[in-house]
Amino acid sequence: MLESLLKSLGDPDLISNHVLPWGSPIPVFGDVSKSRVATLGLNPSNREFVDADGRELDGEKRRFHTLKSLNITSWSKAKQKHLELIGDSYKTYFKRNPYDGWFRILDKIISGTQTSFYNKLNQACHLDLVPYATYCKWAELSNKQQNRLFYKAGDTLAFMLRESPIRIVVLNGKTVVDAFQKISNQTLEKELMTEWTLPRKTGIGISGFSYKGVINQIGGHKLKNEIYILGFNHNLQSSFGVTNIVKNSIQDWISRSFEKIKNETKR
């Protein structure tokens, strides 16, 4: 799979849709082979490769491999040793210089599942619907560009889930929920959560919704096991005004849902 993702980085169609062509694809953050729980986002941030001024991360600050770090001029030059280095960068991500400003929030939210991005004994990992970082934020891409990237991502997510022990996937935000439903051809159960309402100084607050489902395939690709989907509409890292009270309530809901799933799978 990694070889095909690397090959795609030479596709002019990807580059024209603002994909960062010199950074390696990132299908997973963490060790997918040892994770029972995964969170799901849209695509990797360009901050996995560059600093706030747009300069490539280097040395101890580097998070993932690039053409420069591997000392090759194009991804077509990548050999087996390069593939192994890239794969190792996924597995060891949370042991080195993770983007804590983004991942610590999610790690707390899933803590009730008895897993963590940072715990090597009970690991969780993070997956993205599109494994390619883009120069701009996802919201700045046109709908046409977003759909093209989903198409180019192909069955990457299905492959990652099928070849892993993951049983629970947590969707972070409505954009992720909507995209997941579209890609997977699944409709999740939606429920109004009044305690998740985000207060506003004037007018009605922003309503909170939870999403649940069980899937055994994604877009026609059969999975080896049933996977439980849990989601929420508030994007914890970017939604304005997501209070700690709401975050704690979402965390409690995931914890309760996890216990229910655990009891159901014991039967």
C-alpha atoms as a PDB file:
ATOM      1  CA  MET A   1       0.000   0.000   0.000  1.00  0.00           C
ATOM      2  CA  LEU A   2       2.755   2.472   0.912  1.00  0.00           C
ATOM      3  CA  GLU A   3       4.405   2.026  -2.481  1.00  0.00           C
ATOM      4  CA  SER A   4       1.175   2.923  -4.286  1.00  0.00           C
ATOM      5  CA  LEU A   5       0.653   5.976  -2.055  1.00  0.00           C
ATOM      6  CA  LEU A   6       4.186   7.153  -2.803  1.00  0.00           C
ATOM      7  CA  LYS A   7       3.646   6.620  -6.509  1.00  0.00           C
ATOM      8  CA  SER A   8       0.507   8.759  -6.352  1.00  0.00           C
ATOM      9  CA  LEU A   9       2.529  11.718  -5.082  1.00  0.00           C
ATOM     10  CA  GLY A  10       3.883  12.096  -8.614  1.00  0.00           C
ATOM     11  CA  ASP A  11       0.361  12.448  -9.996  1.00  0.00           C
ATOM     12  CA  PRO A  12      -0.204  15.981 -11.391  1.00  0.00           C
ATOM     13  CA  ASP A  13      -3.853  15.633 -10.371  1.00  0.00           C
ATOM     14  CA  LEU A  14      -2.860  15.396  -6.709  1.00  0.00           C
ATOM     15  CA  ILE A  15      -0.411  18.268  -6.948  1.00  0.00           C
ATOM     16  CA  SER A  16      -3.005  20.491  -8.623  1.00  0.00           C
ATOM     17  CA  ASN A  17      -5.236  19.923  -5.597  1.00  0.00           C
ATOM     18  CA  HIS A  18      -2.672  21.483  -3.240  1.00  0.00           C
ATOM     19  CA  VAL A  19      -1.089  18.262  -1.978  1.00  0.00           C
ATOM     20  CA  LEU A  20       2.384  18.760  -0.534  1.00  0.00           C
ATOM     21  CA  PRO A  21       4.363  16.574  -2.973  1.00  0.00           C
ATOM     22  CA  TRP A  22       7.696  16.337  -1.149  1.00  0.00           C
ATOM     23  CA  GLY A  23       6.273  15.022   2.144  1.00  0.00           C
ATOM     24  CA  SER A  24       5.567  11.327   2.621  1.00  0.00           C
ATOM     25  CA  PRO A  25       1.934  10.177   2.735  1.00  0.00           C
ATOM     26  CA  ILE A  26       0.630   9.573   6.266  1.00  0.00           C
ATOM     27  CA  PRO A  27      -1.978   6.786   6.412  1.00  0.00           C
ATOM     28  CA  VAL A  28      -1.587   6.443  10.202  1.00  0.00           C
ATOM     29  CA  PHE A  29      -0.187   8.209  13.245  1.00  0.00           C
ATOM     30  CA  GLY A  30       0.996   5.523  15.675  1.00  0.00           C
ATOM     31  CA  ASP A  31       1.167   1.744  15.429  1.00  0.00           C
ATOM     32  CA  VAL A  32      -1.984   0.513  13.703  1.00  0.00           C
ATOM     33  CA  SER A  33      -0.981  -3.125  14.244  1.00  0.00           C
ATOM     34  CA  LYS A  34      -1.283  -2.714  18.025  1.00  0.00           C
ATOM     35  CA  SER A  35      -4.262  -0.359  18.285  1.00  0.00           C
ATOM     36  CA  ARG A  36      -7.789  -1.303  19.330  1.00  0.00           C
ATOM     37  CA  VAL A  37      -9.085   2.266  19.102  1.00  0.00           C
ATOM     38  CA  ALA A  38      -8.529   4.875  16.395  1.00  0.00           C
ATOM     39  CA  THR A  39      -9.577   8.470  15.973  1.00  0.00           C
ATOM     40  CA  LEU A  40     -10.388   9.711  12.484  1.00  0.00           C
ATOM     41  CA  GLY A  41      -9.738  13.072  10.861  1.00  0.00           C
ATOM     42  CA  LEU A  42      -9.743  14.530   7.355  1.00  0.00           C
ATOM     43  CA  ASN A  43      -6.105  14.787   6.279  1.00  0.00           C
ATOM     44  CA  PRO A  44      -2.705  15.475   7.847  1.00  0.00           C
ATOM     45  CA  SER A  45      -1.826  19.066   8.665  1.00  0.00           C
ATOM     46  CA  ASN A  46       1.031  20.685   6.772  1.00  0.00           C
ATOM     47  CA  ARG A  47       2.417  21.400  10.249  1.00  0.00           C
ATOM     48  CA  GLU A  48       3.514  17.772  10.332  1.00  0.00           C
ATOM     49  CA  PHE A  49       6.168  18.883   7.828  1.00  0.00           C
ATOM     50  CA  VAL A  50       6.724  22.623   8.276  1.00  0.00           C
ATOM     51  CA  ASP A  51       6.913  25.178  11.075  1.00  0.00           C
ATOM     52  CA  ALA A  52       4.709  28.244  11.470  1.00  0.00           C
ATOM     53  CA  ASP A  53       6.853  30.087   8.926  1.00  0.00           C
ATOM     54  CA  GLY A  54       6.575  27.336   6.322  1.00  0.00           C
ATOM     55  CA  ARG A  55      10.106  26.005   6.781  1.00  0.00           C
ATOM     56  CA  GLU A  56      10.625  22.251   6.608  1.00  0.00           C
ATOM     57  CA  LEU A  57      11.027  20.666  10.040  1.00  0.00           C
ATOM     58  CA  ASP A  58      14.457  19.172  10.501  1.00  0.00           C
ATOM     59  CA  GLY A  59      16.568  17.380  13.093  1.00  0.00           C
ATOM     60  CA  GLU A  60      14.755  16.524  16.330  1.00  0.00           C
ATOM     61  CA  LYS A  61      11.764  18.594  15.229  1.00  0.00           C
ATOM     62  CA  ARG A  62      11.140  16.419  12.170  1.00  0.00           C
ATOM     63  CA  ARG A  63       7.971  14.343  12.375  1.00  0.00           C
ATOM     64  CA  PHE A  64       7.795  12.499   9.050  1.00  0.00           C
ATOM     65  CA  HIS A  65      10.143  11.787   6.193  1.00  0.00           C
ATOM     66  CA  THR A  66      10.484  13.931   3.110  1.00  0.00           C
ATOM     67  CA  LEU A  67      12.480  13.694  -0.094  1.00  0.00           C
ATOM     68  CA  LYS A  68      15.140  15.784   1.627  1.00  0.00           C
ATOM     69  CA  SER A  69      15.397  13.619   4.753  1.00  0.00           C
ATOM     70  CA  LEU A  70      15.688  10.459   2.649  1.00  0.00           C
ATOM     71  CA  ASN A  71      18.168  12.137   0.287  1.00  0.00           C
ATOM     72  CA  ILE A  72      16.246  11.205  -2.855  1.00  0.00           C
ATOM     73  CA  THR A  73      15.034  13.425  -5.686  1.00  0.00           C
ATOM     74  CA  SER A  74      11.665  11.762  -6.308  1.00  0.00           C
ATOM     75  CA  TRP A  75       9.455   9.118  -4.709  1.00  0.00           C
ATOM     76  CA  SER A  76      10.126   6.824  -7.659  1.00  0.00           C
ATOM     77  CA  LYS A  77      13.675   6.545  -6.281  1.00  0.00           C
ATOM     78  CA  ALA A  78      12.454   5.118  -2.958  1.00  0.00           C
ATOM     79  CA  LYS A  79      13.934   1.700  -2.133  1.00  0.00           C
ATOM     80  CA  GLN A  80      12.942  -0.864   0.482  1.00  0.00           C
ATOM     81  CA  LYS A  81      15.154   0.823   3.090  1.00  0.00           C
ATOM     82  CA  HIS A  82      13.296   4.083   2.515  1.00  0.00           C
ATOM     83  CA  LEU A  83       9.912   2.368   2.867  1.00  0.00           C
ATOM     84  CA  GLU A  84      11.046   0.903   6.185  1.00  0.00           C
ATOM     85  CA  LEU A  85      12.157   4.304   7.452  1.00  0.00           C
ATOM     86  CA  ILE A  86       8.832   5.846   6.448  1.00  0.00           C
ATOM     87  CA  GLY A  87       6.884   3.012   8.090  1.00  0.00           C
ATOM     88  CA  ASP A  88       8.905   3.372  11.281  1.00  0.00           C
ATOM     89  CA  SER A  89       8.097   7.093  11.398  1.00  0.00           C
ATOM     90  CA  TYR A  90       4.395   6.203  11.646  1.00  0.00           C
ATOM     91  CA  LYS A  91       4.886   3.709  14.467  1.00  0.00           C
ATOM     92  CA  THR A  92       7.155   5.942  16.549  1.00  0.00           C
ATOM     93  CA  TYR A  93       5.306   9.216  15.950  1.00  0.00           C
ATOM     94  CA  PHE A  94       4.054   9.660  19.520  1.00  0.00           C
ATOM     95  CA  LYS A  95       7.460   8.781  20.982  1.00  0.00           C
ATOM     96  CA  ARG A  96       9.253  11.630  19.201  1.00  0.00           C
ATOM     97  CA  ASN A  97       7.839  15.071  18.450  1.00  0.00           C
ATOM     98  CA  PRO A  98       4.068  14.691  18.063  1.00  0.00           C
ATOM     99  CA  TYR A  99       1.838  17.659  17.314  1.00  0.00           C
ATOM    100  CA  ASP A 100       0.613  17.743  20.916  1.00  0.00           C
ATOM    101  CA  GLY A 101      -1.461  20.872  20.424  1.00  0.00           C
ATOM    102  CA  TRP A 102      -3.774  18.751  18.298  1.00  0.00           C
ATOM    103  CA  PHE A 103      -3.437  15.230  19.673  1.00  0.00           C
ATOM    104  CA  ARG A 104      -3.526  15.833  23.445  1.00  0.00           C
ATOM    105  CA  ILE A 105      -7.138  17.003  23.197  1.00  0.00           C
ATOM    106  CA  LEU A 106      -8.188  13.854  21.350  1.00  0.00           C
ATOM    107  CA  ASP A 107      -6.162  11.669  23.694  1.00  0.00           C
ATOM    108  CA  LYS A 108      -8.115  12.972  26.682  1.00  0.00           C
ATOM    109  CA  ILE A 109     -11.418  12.451  24.874  1.00  0.00           C
ATOM    110  CA  ILE A 110     -10.689   8.737  24.298  1.00  0.00           C
ATOM    111  CA  SER A 111      -9.103   8.107  27.707  1.00  0.00           C
ATOM    112  CA  GLY A 112     -12.201   6.226  28.869  1.00  0.00           C
ATOM    113  CA  THR A 113     -11.495   3.521  26.285  1.00  0.00           C
ATOM    114  CA  GLN A 114      -8.440   2.535  28.349  1.00  0.00           C
ATOM    115  CA  THR A 115      -6.160   3.369  25.405  1.00  0.00           C
ATOM    116  CA  SER A 116      -3.874   6.269  24.583  1.00  0.00           C
ATOM    117  CA  PHE A 117      -1.734   7.549  21.740  1.00  0.00           C
ATOM    118  CA  TYR A 118       1.091   7.804  24.251  1.00  0.00           C
ATOM    119  CA  ASN A 119       0.791   4.413  26.008  1.00  0.00           C
ATOM    120  CA  LYS A 120       2.817   1.655  24.361  1.00  0.00           C
ATOM    121  CA  LEU A 121       0.931  -1.078  26.265  1.00  0.00           C
ATOM    122  CA  ASN A 122      -2.620   0.013  25.357  1.00  0.00           C
ATOM    123  CA  GLN A 123      -2.169   1.958  22.173  1.00  0.00           C
ATOM    124  CA  ALA A 124      -4.557   4.028  20.117  1.00  0.00           C
ATOM    125  CA  CYS A 125      -3.732   5.476  16.711  1.00  0.00           C
ATOM    126  CA  HIS A 126      -5.039   8.216  14.465  1.00  0.00           C
ATOM    127  CA  LEU A 127      -6.206   7.725  10.885  1.00  0.00           C
ATOM    128  CA  ASP A 128      -7.191  10.224   8.214  1.00  0.00           C
ATOM    129  CA  LEU A 129      -9.662   9.900   5.354  1.00  0.00           C
ATOM    130  CA  VAL A 130      -7.020  11.338   3.016  1.00  0.00           C
ATOM    131  CA  PRO A 131      -3.377  10.381   3.738  1.00  0.00           C
ATOM    132  CA  TYR A 132      -1.870  13.425   2.003  1.00  0.00           C
ATOM    133  CA  ALA A 133      -0.981  16.737   3.653  1.00  0.00           C
ATOM    134  CA  THR A 134      -2.098  19.862   1.803  1.00  0.00           C
ATOM    135  CA  TYR A 135      -0.517  23.309   1.724  1.00  0.00           C
ATOM    136  CA  CYS A 136      -3.763  24.889   2.899  1.00  0.00           C
ATOM    137  CA  LYS A 137      -6.394  23.931   5.449  1.00  0.00           C
ATOM    138  CA  TRP A 138      -9.053  21.454   4.340  1.00  0.00           C
ATOM    139  CA  ALA A 139     -11.811  24.069   4.613  1.00  0.00           C
ATOM    140  CA  GLU A 140      -9.960  26.260   2.107  1.00  0.00           C
ATOM    141  CA  LEU A 141     -10.196  23.588  -0.602  1.00  0.00           C
ATOM    142  CA  SER A 142     -13.163  23.684  -2.964  1.00  0.00           C
ATOM    143  CA  ASN A 143     -15.741  20.892  -2.821  1.00  0.00           C
ATOM    144  CA  LYS A 144     -14.407  19.664  -6.146  1.00  0.00           C
ATOM    145  CA  GLN A 145     -10.866  19.506  -4.777  1.00  0.00           C
ATOM    146  CA  GLN A 146     -11.984  17.730  -1.613  1.00  0.00           C
ATOM    147  CA  ASN A 147     -13.932  15.138  -3.579  1.00  0.00           C
ATOM    148  CA  ARG A 148     -10.957  14.591  -5.851  1.00  0.00           C
ATOM    149  CA  LEU A 149      -8.705  13.913  -2.873  1.00  0.00           C
ATOM    150  CA  PHE A 150     -11.236  11.476  -1.414  1.00  0.00           C
ATOM    151  CA  TYR A 151     -11.246   9.676  -4.752  1.00  0.00           C
ATOM    152  CA  LYS A 152      -7.447   9.599  -4.890  1.00  0.00           C
ATOM    153  CA  ALA A 153      -7.280   8.216  -1.347  1.00  0.00           C
ATOM    154  CA  GLY A 154      -9.175   5.204  -2.648  1.00  0.00           C
ATOM    155  CA  ASP A 155      -9.396   2.256  -0.281  1.00  0.00           C
ATOM    156  CA  THR A 156      -6.600   3.422   2.054  1.00  0.00           C
ATOM    157  CA  LEU A 157      -8.879   3.663   5.100  1.00  0.00           C
ATOM    158  CA  ALA A 158     -10.493   0.287   4.404  1.00  0.00           C
ATOM    159  CA  PHE A 159      -7.050  -1.298   4.079  1.00  0.00           C
ATOM    160  CA  MET A 160      -5.832   0.191   7.364  1.00  0.00           C
ATOM    161  CA  LEU A 161      -8.899  -1.014   9.254  1.00  0.00           C
ATOM    162  CA  ARG A 162      -8.938  -4.451   7.636  1.00  0.00           C
ATOM    163  CA  GLU A 163      -5.307  -5.151   8.512  1.00  0.00           C
ATOM    164  CA  SER A 164      -5.554  -4.043  12.148  1.00  0.00           C
ATOM    165  CA  PRO A 165      -7.154  -5.053  15.478  1.00  0.00           C
ATOM    166  CA  ILE A 166      -9.088  -1.755  15.589  1.00  0.00           C
ATOM    167  CA  ARG A 167     -12.654  -2.227  16.851  1.00  0.00           C
ATOM    168  CA  ILE A 168     -13.675   1.359  17.670  1.00  0.00           C
ATOM    169  CA  VAL A 169     -13.255   4.470  15.509  1.00  0.00           C
ATOM    170  CA  VAL A 170     -13.980   7.937  16.902  1.00  0.00           C
ATOM    171  CA  LEU A 171     -14.954  10.628  14.371  1.00  0.00           C
ATOM    172  CA  ASN A 172     -13.844  14.153  15.258  1.00  0.00           C
ATOM    173  CA  GLY A 173     -16.312  16.749  13.988  1.00  0.00           C
ATOM    174  CA  LYS A 174     -19.259  17.034  11.609  1.00  0.00           C
ATOM    175  CA  THR A 175     -17.111  17.418   8.494  1.00  0.00           C
ATOM    176  CA  VAL A 176     -15.431  14.095   9.282  1.00  0.00           C
ATOM    177  CA  VAL A 177     -18.778  12.468  10.098  1.00  0.00           C
ATOM    178  CA  ASP A 178     -20.352  13.632   6.830  1.00  0.00           C
ATOM    179  CA  ALA A 179     -17.339  12.573   4.764  1.00  0.00           C
ATOM    180  CA  PHE A 180     -17.161   9.187   6.476  1.00  0.00           C
ATOM    181  CA  GLN A 181     -20.837   8.501   5.791  1.00  0.00           C
ATOM    182  CA  LYS A 182     -20.367   9.422   2.147  1.00  0.00           C
ATOM    183  CA  ILE A 183     -17.229   7.340   1.650  1.00  0.00           C
ATOM    184  CA  SER A 184     -18.485   4.314   3.574  1.00  0.00           C
ATOM    185  CA  ASN A 185     -22.032   4.394   2.153  1.00  0.00           C
ATOM    186  CA  GLN A 186     -23.282   4.139   5.728  1.00  0.00           C
ATOM    187  CA  THR A 187     -25.796   6.248   7.638  1.00  0.00           C
ATOM    188  CA  LEU A 188     -24.956   6.698  11.305  1.00  0.00           C
ATOM    189  CA  GLU A 189     -27.537   7.038  14.067  1.00  0.00           C
ATOM    190  CA  LYS A 190     -27.740  10.721  15.022  1.00  0.00           C
ATOM    191  CA  GLU A 191     -28.907  11.938  18.431  1.00  0.00           C
ATOM    192  CA  LEU A 192     -29.332  15.439  19.846  1.00  0.00           C
ATOM    193  CA  MET A 193     -27.183  15.889  22.965  1.00  0.00           C
ATOM    194  CA  THR A 194     -28.559  18.900  24.835  1.00  0.00           C
ATOM    195  CA  GLU A 195     -25.626  18.917  27.256  1.00  0.00           C
ATOM    196  CA  TRP A 196     -23.280  19.478  24.313  1.00  0.00           C
ATOM    197  CA  THR A 197     -24.862  22.793  23.298  1.00  0.00           C
ATOM    198  CA  LEU A 198     -22.232  25.492  22.858  1.00  0.00           C
ATOM    199  CA  PRO A 199     -23.411  28.719  24.530  1.00  0.00           C
ATOM    200  CA  ARG A 200     -23.373  32.018  22.662  1.00  0.00           C
ATOM    201  CA  LYS A 201     -23.582  35.546  24.068  1.00  0.00           C
ATOM    202  CA  THR A 202     -26.573  36.293  21.865  1.00  0.00           C
ATOM    203  CA  GLY A 203     -29.087  34.007  20.227  1.00  0.00           C
ATOM    204  CA  ILE A 204     -29.469  30.252  20.388  1.00  0.00           C
ATOM    205  CA  GLY A 205     -26.449  28.118  21.187  1.00  0.00           C
ATOM    206  CA  ILE A 206     -24.909  25.659  18.730  1.00  0.00           C
ATOM    207  CA  SER A 207     -26.491  22.231  19.175  1.00  0.00           C
ATOM    208  CA  GLY A 208     -24.425  19.132  19.827  1.00  0.00           C
ATOM    209  CA  PHE A 209     -25.055  15.763  18.187  1.00  0.00           C
ATOM    210  CA  SER A 210     -23.657  12.288  18.720  1.00  0.00           C
ATOM    211  CA  TYR A 211     -23.314   9.638  16.017  1.00  0.00           C
ATOM    212  CA  LYS A 212     -23.198   5.860  16.365  1.00  0.00           C
ATOM    213  CA  GLY A 213     -23.004   2.911  14.044  1.00  0.00           C
ATOM    214  CA  VAL A 214     -21.555  -0.510  13.347  1.00  0.00           C
ATOM    215  CA  ILE A 215     -19.877  -1.239  10.016  1.00  0.00           C
ATOM    216  CA  ASN A 216     -18.434  -4.323   8.337  1.00  0.00           C
ATOM    217  CA  GLN A 217     -17.447  -2.668   5.050  1.00  0.00           C
ATOM    218  CA  ILE A 218     -16.330   0.680   3.694  1.00  0.00           C
ATOM    219  CA  GLY A 219     -17.401   1.677   0.208  1.00  0.00           C
ATOM    220  CA  GLY A 220     -17.805  -1.956  -0.829  1.00  0.00           C
ATOM    221  CA  HIS A 221     -14.538  -3.122   0.749  1.00  0.00           C
ATOM    222  CA  LYS A 222     -15.266  -5.916   3.220  1.00  0.00           C
ATOM    223  CA  LEU A 223     -13.686  -5.681   6.679  1.00  0.00           C
ATOM    224  CA  LYS A 224     -12.557  -8.678   8.725  1.00  0.00           C
ATOM    225  CA  ASN A 225     -14.456  -7.581  11.841  1.00  0.00           C
ATOM    226  CA  GLU A 226     -17.346  -5.356  12.765  1.00  0.00           C
ATOM    227  CA  ILE A 227     -16.155  -1.905  13.771  1.00  0.00           C
ATOM    228  CA  TYR A 228     -18.047   0.405  16.102  1.00  0.00           C
ATOM    229  CA  ILE A 229     -18.255   4.052  15.083  1.00  0.00           C
ATOM    230  CA  LEU A 230     -18.636   6.878  17.604  1.00  0.00           C
ATOM    231  CA  GLY A 231     -18.718  10.510  16.554  1.00  0.00           C
ATOM    232  CA  PHE A 232     -19.607  14.051  17.556  1.00  0.00           C
ATOM    233  CA  ASN A 233     -20.322  17.171  15.522  1.00  0.00           C
ATOM    234  CA  HIS A 234     -18.058  19.617  17.372  1.00  0.00           C
ATOM    235  CA  ASN A 235     -14.505  19.759  16.012  1.00  0.00           C
ATOM    236  CA  LEU A 236     -12.634  19.933  19.296  1.00  0.00           C
ATOM    237  CA  GLN A 237      -9.533  21.605  17.882  1.00  0.00           C
ATOM    238  CA  SER A 238     -11.133  24.242  15.697  1.00  0.00           C
ATOM    239  CA  SER A 239     -14.734  24.873  16.726  1.00  0.00           C
ATOM    240  CA  PHE A 240     -15.054  28.237  18.427  1.00  0.00           C
ATOM    241  CA  GLY A 241     -16.170  28.038  22.025  1.00  0.00           C
ATOM    242  CA  VAL A 242     -16.036  24.297  22.758  1.00  0.00           C
ATOM    243  CA  THR A 243     -16.064  24.590  26.535  1.00  0.00           C
ATOM    244  CA  ASN A 244     -14.345  22.213  28.929  1.00  0.00           C
ATOM    245  CA  ILE A 245     -17.782  21.229  30.214  1.00  0.00           C
ATOM    246  CA  VAL A 246     -18.801  20.086  26.730  1.00  0.00           C
ATOM    247  CA  LYS A 247     -15.463  18.337  26.150  1.00  0.00           C
ATOM    248  CA  ASN A 248     -15.834  16.476  29.444  1.00  0.00           C
ATOM    249  CA  SER A 249     -19.388  15.480  28.529  1.00  0.00           C
ATOM    250  CA  ILE A 250     -18.223  14.097  25.168  1.00  0.00           C
ATOM    251  CA  GLN A 251     -15.463  12.219  26.983  1.00  0.00           C
ATOM    252  CA  ASP A 252     -18.014  10.720  29.408  1.00  0.00           C
ATOM    253  CA  TRP A 253     -20.261   9.680  26.509  1.00  0.00           C
ATOM    254  CA  ILE A 254     -17.398   7.907  24.760  1.00  0.00           C
ATOM    255  CA  SER A 255     -16.484   6.178  28.039  1.00  0.00           C
ATOM    256  CA  ARG A 256     -20.069   4.957  28.539  1.00  0.00           C
ATOM    257  CA  SER A 257     -20.317   3.874  24.914  1.00  0.00           C
ATOM    258  CA  PHE A 258     -17.047   1.959  25.235  1.00  0.00           C
ATOM    259  CA  GLU A 259     -18.291   0.072  28.299  1.00  0.00           C
ATOM    260  CA  LYS A 260     -21.509  -0.819  26.489  1.00  0.00           C
ATOM    261  CA  ILE A 261     -19.588  -2.047  23.436  1.00  0.00           C
ATOM    262  CA  LYS A 262     -17.247  -4.062  25.653  1.00  0.00           C
ATOM    263  CA  ASN A 263     -20.180  -5.761  27.359  1.00  0.00           C
ATOM    264  CA  GLU A 264     -21.904  -6.490  24.044  1.00  0.00           C
ATOM    265  CA  THR A 265     -18.808  -8.092  22.520  1.00  0.00           C
ATOM    266  CA  LYS A 266     -18.427 -10.382  25.547  1.00  0.00           C
ATOM    267  CA  ARG A 267     -21.767 -12.061  24.836  1.00  0.00           C
END
